[in-house]
PDB file of N, CA and C in Angstrom:
ATOM      1  N   MET A   1      87.544 142.554  59.447  1.00  0.00           N
ATOM      2  CA  MET A   1      86.420 142.960  58.642  1.00  0.00           C
ATOM      3  C   MET A   1      85.429 143.716  59.523  1.00  0.00           C
ATOM      4  N   LYS A   2      85.062 144.888  59.090  1.00  0.00           N
ATOM      5  CA  LYS A   2      84.114 145.685  59.849  1.00  0.00           C
ATOM      6  C   LYS A   2      82.741 145.607  59.186  1.00  0.00           C
ATOM      7  N   LEU A   3      81.741 145.292  59.987  1.00  0.00           N
ATOM      8  CA  LEU A   3      80.381 145.208  59.478  1.00  0.00           C
ATOM      9  C   LEU A   3      79.703 146.565  59.580  1.00  0.00           C
ATOM     10  N   THR A   4      78.861 146.861  58.605  1.00  0.00           N
ATOM     11  CA  THR A   4      78.088 148.090  58.671  1.00  0.00           C
ATOM     12  C   THR A   4      76.913 147.898  59.627  1.00  0.00           C
ATOM     13  N   LYS A   5      76.317 149.007  60.014  1.00  0.00           N
ATOM     14  CA  LYS A   5      75.148 148.967  60.894  1.00  0.00           C
ATOM     15  C   LYS A   5      74.035 148.124  60.257  1.00  0.00           C
ATOM     16  N   GLU A   6      73.840 148.301  58.971  1.00  0.00           N
ATOM     17  CA  GLU A   6      72.792 147.576  58.255  1.00  0.00           C
ATOM     18  C   GLU A   6      73.072 146.069  58.229  1.00  0.00           C
ATOM     19  N   GLU A   7      74.333 145.705  58.046  1.00  0.00           N
ATOM     20  CA  GLU A   7      74.701 144.284  58.043  1.00  0.00           C
ATOM     21  C   GLU A   7      74.458 143.661  59.420  1.00  0.00           C
ATOM     22  N   ILE A   8      74.773 144.390  60.469  1.00  0.00           N
ATOM     23  CA  ILE A   8      74.529 143.894  61.824  1.00  0.00           C
ATOM     24  C   ILE A   8      73.029 143.738  62.057  1.00  0.00           C
ATOM     25  N   TRP A   9      72.241 144.717  61.599  1.00  0.00           N
ATOM     26  CA  TRP A   9      70.785 144.613  61.748  1.00  0.00           C
ATOM     27  C   TRP A   9      70.249 143.385  61.013  1.00  0.00           C
ATOM     28  N   GLU A  10      70.793 143.121  59.829  1.00  0.00           N
ATOM     29  CA  GLU A  10      70.360 141.960  59.051  1.00  0.00           C
ATOM     30  C   GLU A  10      70.694 140.659  59.786  1.00  0.00           C
ATOM     31  N   ILE A  11      71.885 140.587  60.332  1.00  0.00           N
ATOM     32  CA  ILE A  11      72.284 139.398  61.097  1.00  0.00           C
ATOM     33  C   ILE A  11      71.371 139.226  62.308  1.00  0.00           C
ATOM     34  N   GLN A  12      71.082 140.324  62.999  1.00  0.00           N
ATOM     35  CA  GLN A  12      70.187 140.259  64.155  1.00  0.00           C
ATOM     36  C   GLN A  12      68.794 139.777  63.743  1.00  0.00           C
ATOM     37  N   HIS A  13      68.313 140.250  62.620  1.00  0.00           N
ATOM     38  CA  HIS A  13      66.994 139.836  62.136  1.00  0.00           C
ATOM     39  C   HIS A  13      66.960 138.319  61.896  1.00  0.00           C
ATOM     40  N   ILE A  14      68.002 137.806  61.251  1.00  0.00           N
ATOM     41  CA  ILE A  14      68.088 136.367  60.977  1.00  0.00           C
ATOM     42  C   ILE A  14      68.170 135.587  62.291  1.00  0.00           C
ATOM     43  N   LEU A  15      68.997 136.070  63.227  1.00  0.00           N
ATOM     44  CA  LEU A  15      69.119 135.397  64.517  1.00  0.00           C
ATOM     45  C   LEU A  15      67.791 135.389  65.279  1.00  0.00           C
ATOM     46  N   LYS A  16      67.048 136.492  65.210  1.00  0.00           N
ATOM     47  CA  LYS A  16      65.749 136.553  65.894  1.00  0.00           C
ATOM     48  C   LYS A  16      64.771 135.550  65.302  1.00  0.00           C
ATOM     49  N   LYS A  17      64.786 135.409  63.980  1.00  0.00           N
ATOM     50  CA  LYS A  17      63.921 134.416  63.333  1.00  0.00           C
ATOM     51  C   LYS A  17      64.294 133.003  63.787  1.00  0.00           C
ATOM     52  N   GLU A  18      65.583 132.718  63.796  1.00  0.00           N
ATOM     53  CA  GLU A  18      66.059 131.398  64.218  1.00  0.00           C
ATOM     54  C   GLU A  18      65.741 131.145  65.694  1.00  0.00           C
ATOM     55  N   LYS A  19      65.891 132.164  66.512  1.00  0.00           N
ATOM     56  CA  LYS A  19      65.575 132.039  67.938  1.00  0.00           C
ATOM     57  C   LYS A  19      64.099 131.714  68.120  1.00  0.00           C
ATOM     58  N   ASP A  20      63.246 132.434  67.415  1.00  0.00           N
ATOM     59  CA  ASP A  20      61.804 132.177  67.494  1.00  0.00           C
ATOM     60  C   ASP A  20      61.475 130.755  67.053  1.00  0.00           C
ATOM     61  N   LEU A  21      62.133 130.297  66.001  1.00  0.00           N
ATOM     62  CA  LEU A  21      61.924 128.935  65.511  1.00  0.00           C
ATOM     63  C   LEU A  21      62.358 127.911  66.564  1.00  0.00           C
ATOM     64  N   MET A  22      63.506 128.144  67.197  1.00  0.00           N
ATOM     65  CA  MET A  22      63.984 127.229  68.231  1.00  0.00           C
ATOM     66  C   MET A  22      63.021 127.191  69.426  1.00  0.00           C
ATOM     67  N   GLU A  23      62.506 128.348  69.797  1.00  0.00           N
ATOM     68  CA  GLU A  23      61.552 128.389  70.909  1.00  0.00           C
ATOM     69  C   GLU A  23      60.269 127.645  70.546  1.00  0.00           C
ATOM     70  N   GLN A  24      59.843 127.786  69.306  1.00  0.00           N
ATOM     71  CA  GLN A  24      58.652 127.071  68.837  1.00  0.00           C
ATOM     72  C   GLN A  24      58.902 125.564  68.851  1.00  0.00           C
ATOM     73  N   LYS A  25      60.057 125.145  68.333  1.00  0.00           N
ATOM     74  CA  LYS A  25      60.407 123.715  68.318  1.00  0.00           C
ATOM     75  C   LYS A  25      60.495 123.168  69.739  1.00  0.00           C
ATOM     76  N   SER A  26      61.020 123.979  70.642  1.00  0.00           N
ATOM     77  CA  SER A  26      61.131 123.556  72.031  1.00  0.00           C
ATOM     78  C   SER A  26      59.757 123.230  72.608  1.00  0.00           C
ATOM     79  N   GLN A  27      58.789 124.085  72.330  1.00  0.00           N
ATOM     80  CA  GLN A  27      57.427 123.851  72.818  1.00  0.00           C
ATOM     81  C   GLN A  27      56.803 122.616  72.162  1.00  0.00           C
ATOM     82  N   GLU A  28      57.091 122.419  70.884  1.00  0.00           N
ATOM     83  CA  GLU A  28      56.541 121.267  70.169  1.00  0.00           C
ATOM     84  C   GLU A  28      57.077 119.945  70.732  1.00  0.00           C
ATOM     85  N   TRP A  29      58.324 119.931  71.127  1.00  0.00           N
ATOM     86  CA  TRP A  29      58.953 118.700  71.596  1.00  0.00           C
ATOM     87  C   TRP A  29      58.784 118.465  73.094  1.00  0.00           C
ATOM     88  N   TYR A  30      58.281 119.434  73.814  1.00  0.00           N
ATOM     89  CA  TYR A  30      58.180 119.298  75.266  1.00  0.00           C
ATOM     90  C   TYR A  30      56.978 118.427  75.626  1.00  0.00           C
ATOM     91  N   ASN A  31      57.257 117.243  76.160  1.00  0.00           N
ATOM     92  CA  ASN A  31      56.218 116.366  76.713  1.00  0.00           C
ATOM     93  C   ASN A  31      56.866 115.415  77.710  1.00  0.00           C
ATOM     94  N   ASP A  32      56.182 114.369  78.059  1.00  0.00           N
ATOM     95  CA  ASP A  32      56.672 113.461  79.116  1.00  0.00           C
ATOM     96  C   ASP A  32      57.794 112.535  78.673  1.00  0.00           C
ATOM     97  N   ASN A  33      57.969 112.351  77.393  1.00  0.00           N
ATOM     98  CA  ASN A  33      59.002 111.458  76.879  1.00  0.00           C
ATOM     99  C   ASN A  33      60.376 112.098  77.125  1.00  0.00           C
ATOM    100  N   GLU A  34      61.289 111.333  77.717  1.00  0.00           N
ATOM    101  CA  GLU A  34      62.625 111.865  78.053  1.00  0.00           C
ATOM    102  C   GLU A  34      63.414 112.303  76.817  1.00  0.00           C
ATOM    103  N   ASP A  35      63.319 111.530  75.724  1.00  0.00           N
ATOM    104  CA  ASP A  35      64.029 111.912  74.501  1.00  0.00           C
ATOM    105  C   ASP A  35      63.503 113.243  73.963  1.00  0.00           C
ATOM    106  N   ASP A  36      62.198 113.393  74.008  1.00  0.00           N
ATOM    107  CA  ASP A  36      61.596 114.636  73.532  1.00  0.00           C
ATOM    108  C   ASP A  36      61.990 115.808  74.414  1.00  0.00           C
ATOM    109  N   LYS A  37      62.085 115.576  75.713  1.00  0.00           N
ATOM    110  CA  LYS A  37      62.494 116.652  76.623  1.00  0.00           C
ATOM    111  C   LYS A  37      63.927 117.096  76.329  1.00  0.00           C
ATOM    112  N   SER A  38      64.793 116.140  76.007  1.00  0.00           N
ATOM    113  CA  SER A  38      66.179 116.511  75.715  1.00  0.00           C
ATOM    114  C   SER A  38      66.253 117.337  74.432  1.00  0.00           C
ATOM    115  N   ILE A  39      65.428 117.013  73.445  1.00  0.00           N
ATOM    116  CA  ILE A  39      65.390 117.813  72.223  1.00  0.00           C
ATOM    117  C   ILE A  39      64.864 119.207  72.548  1.00  0.00           C
ATOM    118  N   SER A  40      63.849 119.272  73.406  1.00  0.00           N
ATOM    119  CA  SER A  40      63.295 120.551  73.826  1.00  0.00           C
ATOM    120  C   SER A  40      64.352 121.403  74.529  1.00  0.00           C
ATOM    121  N   LEU A  41      65.117 120.787  75.418  1.00  0.00           N
ATOM    122  CA  LEU A  41      66.176 121.508  76.129  1.00  0.00           C
ATOM    123  C   LEU A  41      67.272 121.977  75.179  1.00  0.00           C
ATOM    124  N   MET A  42      67.594 121.161  74.187  1.00  0.00           N
ATOM    125  CA  MET A  42      68.596 121.537  73.202  1.00  0.00           C
ATOM    126  C   MET A  42      68.114 122.768  72.411  1.00  0.00           C
ATOM    127  N   CYS A  43      66.839 122.772  72.041  1.00  0.00           N
ATOM    128  CA  CYS A  43      66.282 123.921  71.316  1.00  0.00           C
ATOM    129  C   CYS A  43      66.297 125.167  72.198  1.00  0.00           C
ATOM    130  N   ASP A  44      65.965 125.005  73.475  1.00  0.00           N
ATOM    131  CA  ASP A  44      66.027 126.134  74.413  1.00  0.00           C
ATOM    132  C   ASP A  44      67.444 126.680  74.517  1.00  0.00           C
ATOM    133  N   SER A  45      68.410 125.766  74.581  1.00  0.00           N
ATOM    134  CA  SER A  45      69.811 126.167  74.688  1.00  0.00           C
ATOM    135  C   SER A  45      70.241 126.960  73.453  1.00  0.00           C
ATOM    136  N   LYS A  46      69.863 126.487  72.274  1.00  0.00           N
ATOM    137  CA  LYS A  46      70.205 127.217  71.042  1.00  0.00           C
ATOM    138  C   LYS A  46      69.535 128.583  71.009  1.00  0.00           C
ATOM    139  N   ALA A  47      68.285 128.651  71.462  1.00  0.00           N
ATOM    140  CA  ALA A  47      67.577 129.935  71.500  1.00  0.00           C
ATOM    141  C   ALA A  47      68.288 130.901  72.442  1.00  0.00           C
ATOM    142  N   ASN A  48      68.757 130.388  73.584  1.00  0.00           N
ATOM    143  CA  ASN A  48      69.487 131.228  74.538  1.00  0.00           C
ATOM    144  C   ASN A  48      70.805 131.731  73.957  1.00  0.00           C
ATOM    145  N   MET A  49      71.493 130.872  73.214  1.00  0.00           N
ATOM    146  CA  MET A  49      72.746 131.293  72.574  1.00  0.00           C
ATOM    147  C   MET A  49      72.486 132.392  71.546  1.00  0.00           C
ATOM    148  N   MET A  50      71.400 132.256  70.801  1.00  0.00           N
ATOM    149  CA  MET A  50      71.064 133.270  69.801  1.00  0.00           C
ATOM    150  C   MET A  50      70.692 134.585  70.471  1.00  0.00           C
ATOM    151  N   THR A  51      70.008 134.513  71.592  1.00  0.00           N
ATOM    152  CA  THR A  51      69.679 135.722  72.350  1.00  0.00           C
ATOM    153  C   THR A  51      70.956 136.415  72.807  1.00  0.00           C
ATOM    154  N   ALA A  52      71.921 135.641  73.276  1.00  0.00           N
ATOM    155  CA  ALA A  52      73.197 136.211  73.714  1.00  0.00           C
ATOM    156  C   ALA A  52      73.925 136.874  72.538  1.00  0.00           C
ATOM    157  N   LEU A  53      73.892 136.247  71.373  1.00  0.00           N
ATOM    158  CA  LEU A  53      74.533 136.833  70.188  1.00  0.00           C
ATOM    159  C   LEU A  53      73.849 138.137  69.776  1.00  0.00           C
ATOM    160  N   ILE A  54      72.527 138.160  69.843  1.00  0.00           N
ATOM    161  CA  ILE A  54      71.782 139.372  69.499  1.00  0.00           C
ATOM    162  C   ILE A  54      72.169 140.505  70.444  1.00  0.00           C
ATOM    163  N   LYS A  55      72.264 140.199  71.736  1.00  0.00           N
ATOM    164  CA  LYS A  55      72.649 141.216  72.726  1.00  0.00           C
ATOM    165  C   LYS A  55      74.073 141.699  72.482  1.00  0.00           C
ATOM    166  N   LYS A  56      74.966 140.784  72.131  1.00  0.00           N
ATOM    167  CA  LYS A  56      76.356 141.159  71.856  1.00  0.00           C
ATOM    168  C   LYS A  56      76.429 142.079  70.636  1.00  0.00           C
ATOM    169  N   LEU A  57      75.639 141.791  69.622  1.00  0.00           N
ATOM    170  CA  LEU A  57      75.610 142.648  68.438  1.00  0.00           C
ATOM    171  C   LEU A  57      75.061 144.029  68.791  1.00  0.00           C
ATOM    172  N   ASP A  58      74.088 144.093  69.698  1.00  0.00           N
ATOM    173  CA  ASP A  58      73.585 145.387  70.181  1.00  0.00           C
ATOM    174  C   ASP A  58      74.699 146.182  70.854  1.00  0.00           C
ATOM    175  N   GLU A  59      75.505 145.498  71.665  1.00  0.00           N
ATOM    176  CA  GLU A  59      76.627 146.152  72.336  1.00  0.00           C
ATOM    177  C   GLU A  59      77.638 146.686  71.318  1.00  0.00           C
ATOM    178  N   ILE A  60      77.888 145.902  70.285  1.00  0.00           N
ATOM    179  CA  ILE A  60      78.828 146.321  69.240  1.00  0.00           C
ATOM    180  C   ILE A  60      78.297 147.565  68.531  1.00  0.00           C
ATOM    181  N   LEU A  61      76.987 147.575  68.229  1.00  0.00           N
ATOM    182  CA  LEU A  61      76.385 148.752  67.587  1.00  0.00           C
ATOM    183  C   LEU A  61      76.541 149.984  68.466  1.00  0.00           C
ATOM    184  N   LYS A  62      76.266 149.838  69.760  1.00  0.00           N
ATOM    185  CA  LYS A  62      76.384 150.974  70.685  1.00  0.00           C
ATOM    186  C   LYS A  62      77.828 151.441  70.779  1.00  0.00           C
ATOM    187  N   TYR A  63      78.768 150.504  70.847  1.00  0.00           N
ATOM    188  CA  TYR A  63      80.186 150.847  70.915  1.00  0.00           C
ATOM    189  C   TYR A  63      80.620 151.588  69.651  1.00  0.00           C
ATOM    190  N   ASN A  64      80.187 151.100  68.489  1.00  0.00           N
ATOM    191  CA  ASN A  64      80.548 151.749  67.229  1.00  0.00           C
ATOM    192  C   ASN A  64      80.002 153.170  67.159  1.00  0.00           C
ATOM    193  N   GLU A  65      78.763 153.354  67.607  1.00  0.00           N
ATOM    194  CA  GLU A  65      78.159 154.695  67.592  1.00  0.00           C
ATOM    195  C   GLU A  65      78.890 155.629  68.560  1.00  0.00           C
ATOM    196  N   LEU A  66      79.231 155.120  69.729  1.00  0.00           N
ATOM    197  CA  LEU A  66      79.959 155.920  70.707  1.00  0.00           C
ATOM    198  C   LEU A  66      81.336 156.312  70.169  1.00  0.00           C
ATOM    199  N   THR A  67      82.036 155.368  69.592  1.00  0.00           N
ATOM    200  CA  THR A  67      83.354 155.632  69.014  1.00  0.00           C
ATOM    201  C   THR A  67      83.255 156.674  67.910  1.00  0.00           C
ATOM    202  N   LYS A  68      82.233 156.540  67.070  1.00  0.00           N
ATOM    203  CA  LYS A  68      82.027 157.505  65.990  1.00  0.00           C
ATOM    204  C   LYS A  68      81.771 158.905  66.554  1.00  0.00           C
ATOM    205  N   SER A  69      80.975 158.997  67.606  1.00  0.00           N
ATOM    206  CA  SER A  69      80.685 160.294  68.227  1.00  0.00           C
ATOM    207  C   SER A  69      81.935 160.914  68.839  1.00  0.00           C
ATOM    208  N   ILE A  70      82.716 160.100  69.520  1.00  0.00           N
ATOM    209  CA  ILE A  70      83.959 160.589  70.128  1.00  0.00           C
ATOM    210  C   ILE A  70      84.917 161.077  69.046  1.00  0.00           C
ATOM    211  N   ASN A  71      85.053 160.314  67.978  1.00  0.00           N
ATOM    212  CA  ASN A  71      85.943 160.713  66.885  1.00  0.00           C
ATOM    213  C   ASN A  71      85.476 162.013  66.238  1.00  0.00           C
ATOM    214  N   ASN A  72      84.170 162.142  66.047  1.00  0.00           N
ATOM    215  CA  ASN A  72      83.629 163.381  65.477  1.00  0.00           C
ATOM    216  C   ASN A  72      83.887 164.564  66.407  1.00  0.00           C
ATOM    217  N   PHE A  73      83.721 164.341  67.709  1.00  0.00           N
ATOM    218  CA  PHE A  73      83.968 165.391  68.694  1.00  0.00           C
ATOM    219  C   PHE A  73      85.432 165.812  68.661  1.00  0.00           C
ATOM    220  N   ASN A  74      86.337 164.837  68.657  1.00  0.00           N
ATOM    221  CA  ASN A  74      87.767 165.140  68.603  1.00  0.00           C
ATOM    222  C   ASN A  74      88.129 165.874  67.316  1.00  0.00           C
ATOM    223  N   ASP A  75      87.545 165.445  66.206  1.00  0.00           N
ATOM    224  CA  ASP A  75      87.813 166.118  64.927  1.00  0.00           C
ATOM    225  C   ASP A  75      87.337 167.558  64.960  1.00  0.00           C
ATOM    226  N   SER A  76      86.175 167.782  65.573  1.00  0.00           N
ATOM    227  CA  SER A  76      85.657 169.155  65.618  1.00  0.00           C
ATOM    228  C   SER A  76      86.515 170.039  66.510  1.00  0.00           C
ATOM    229  N   ILE A  77      87.035 169.484  67.594  1.00  0.00           N
ATOM    230  CA  ILE A  77      87.921 170.264  68.469  1.00  0.00           C
ATOM    231  C   ILE A  77      89.232 170.558  67.751  1.00  0.00           C
ATOM    232  N   ASN A  78      89.771 169.564  67.095  1.00  0.00           N
ATOM    233  CA  ASN A  78      91.053 169.745  66.407  1.00  0.00           C
ATOM    234  C   ASN A  78      90.947 170.699  65.227  1.00  0.00           C
ATOM    235  N   SER A  79      89.793 170.815  64.656  1.00  0.00           N
ATOM    236  CA  SER A  79      89.643 171.688  63.493  1.00  0.00           C
ATOM    237  C   SER A  79      89.260 173.120  63.865  1.00  0.00           C
ATOM    238  N   ASP A  80      88.924 173.350  65.116  1.00  0.00           N
ATOM    239  CA  ASP A  80      88.504 174.694  65.545  1.00  0.00           C
ATOM    240  C   ASP A  80      89.735 175.491  65.966  1.00  0.00           C
ATOM    241  N   ASN A  81      90.091 176.487  65.166  1.00  0.00           N
ATOM    242  CA  ASN A  81      91.289 177.282  65.437  1.00  0.00           C
ATOM    243  C   ASN A  81      91.096 178.280  66.561  1.00  0.00           C
ATOM    244  N   ASN A  82      89.863 178.491  66.982  1.00  0.00           N
ATOM    245  CA  ASN A  82      89.590 179.464  68.038  1.00  0.00           C
ATOM    246  C   ASN A  82      89.779 178.889  69.445  1.00  0.00           C
ATOM    247  N   ILE A  83      89.973 177.596  69.531  1.00  0.00           N
ATOM    248  CA  ILE A  83      90.123 176.970  70.849  1.00  0.00           C
ATOM    249  C   ILE A  83      91.596 176.989  71.255  1.00  0.00           C
ATOM    250  N   ASN A  84      91.820 177.362  72.460  1.00  0.00           N
ATOM    251  CA  ASN A  84      93.168 177.422  73.018  1.00  0.00           C
ATOM    252  C   ASN A  84      93.815 176.035  72.962  1.00  0.00           C
ATOM    253  N   ASP A  85      95.115 175.965  72.648  1.00  0.00           N
ATOM    254  CA  ASP A  85      95.828 174.687  72.558  1.00  0.00           C
ATOM    255  C   ASP A  85      95.800 173.916  73.865  1.00  0.00           C
ATOM    256  N   ASP A  86      95.869 174.622  74.999  1.00  0.00           N
ATOM    257  CA  ASP A  86      95.807 173.915  76.281  1.00  0.00           C
ATOM    258  C   ASP A  86      94.460 173.233  76.465  1.00  0.00           C
ATOM    259  N   PHE A  87      93.415 173.894  76.033  1.00  0.00           N
ATOM    260  CA  PHE A  87      92.069 173.322  76.132  1.00  0.00           C
ATOM    261  C   PHE A  87      91.938 172.111  75.227  1.00  0.00           C
ATOM    262  N   LYS A  88      92.500 172.196  74.017  1.00  0.00           N
ATOM    263  CA  LYS A  88      92.473 171.068  73.083  1.00  0.00           C
ATOM    264  C   LYS A  88      93.120 169.833  73.694  1.00  0.00           C
ATOM    265  N   ASN A  89      94.226 170.022  74.390  1.00  0.00           N
ATOM    266  CA  ASN A  89      94.967 168.902  74.951  1.00  0.00           C
ATOM    267  C   ASN A  89      94.174 168.144  76.027  1.00  0.00           C
ATOM    268  N   LEU A  90      93.195 168.776  76.604  1.00  0.00           N
ATOM    269  CA  LEU A  90      92.357 168.079  77.573  1.00  0.00           C
ATOM    270  C   LEU A  90      91.541 166.972  76.931  1.00  0.00           C
ATOM    271  N   PHE A  91      91.225 167.094  75.654  1.00  0.00           N
ATOM    272  CA  PHE A  91      90.344 166.178  74.981  1.00  0.00           C
ATOM    273  C   PHE A  91      91.046 165.198  74.050  1.00  0.00           C
ATOM    274  N   ILE A  92      92.330 165.316  73.927  1.00  0.00           N
ATOM    275  CA  ILE A  92      93.072 164.449  73.004  1.00  0.00           C
ATOM    276  C   ILE A  92      93.711 163.309  73.761  1.00  0.00           C
TER     277      ILE A  92
END
C-alpha cells in the first residue's frame, strides 16, 4: 500500500500531537517518587519513538519525491526524439 504525501503529513501531524502529549505527561510525572520517575521515563521513551517515526516518514517523503523526479527525468529523455540514442543510454 502506497501512502500519498497528504496521508503521510496527516500521520506526522498525529504523531507530533502524541509526542507533545507524551513530553507533557513526562514533565507532569517527574518528581522524587521512583514510580513516578519510571512513568516519566516511559513517556520520554514513547516520545522518542514517535520522533523517530516522524523522521522516518520525512525520509520516505524525500525518497518518494526524488524517485518521482528521476522517473520524470527519464521519461523526458526517453520521449525526446532529438537526443542521440547513445546519450539516452547513459541515463537509463
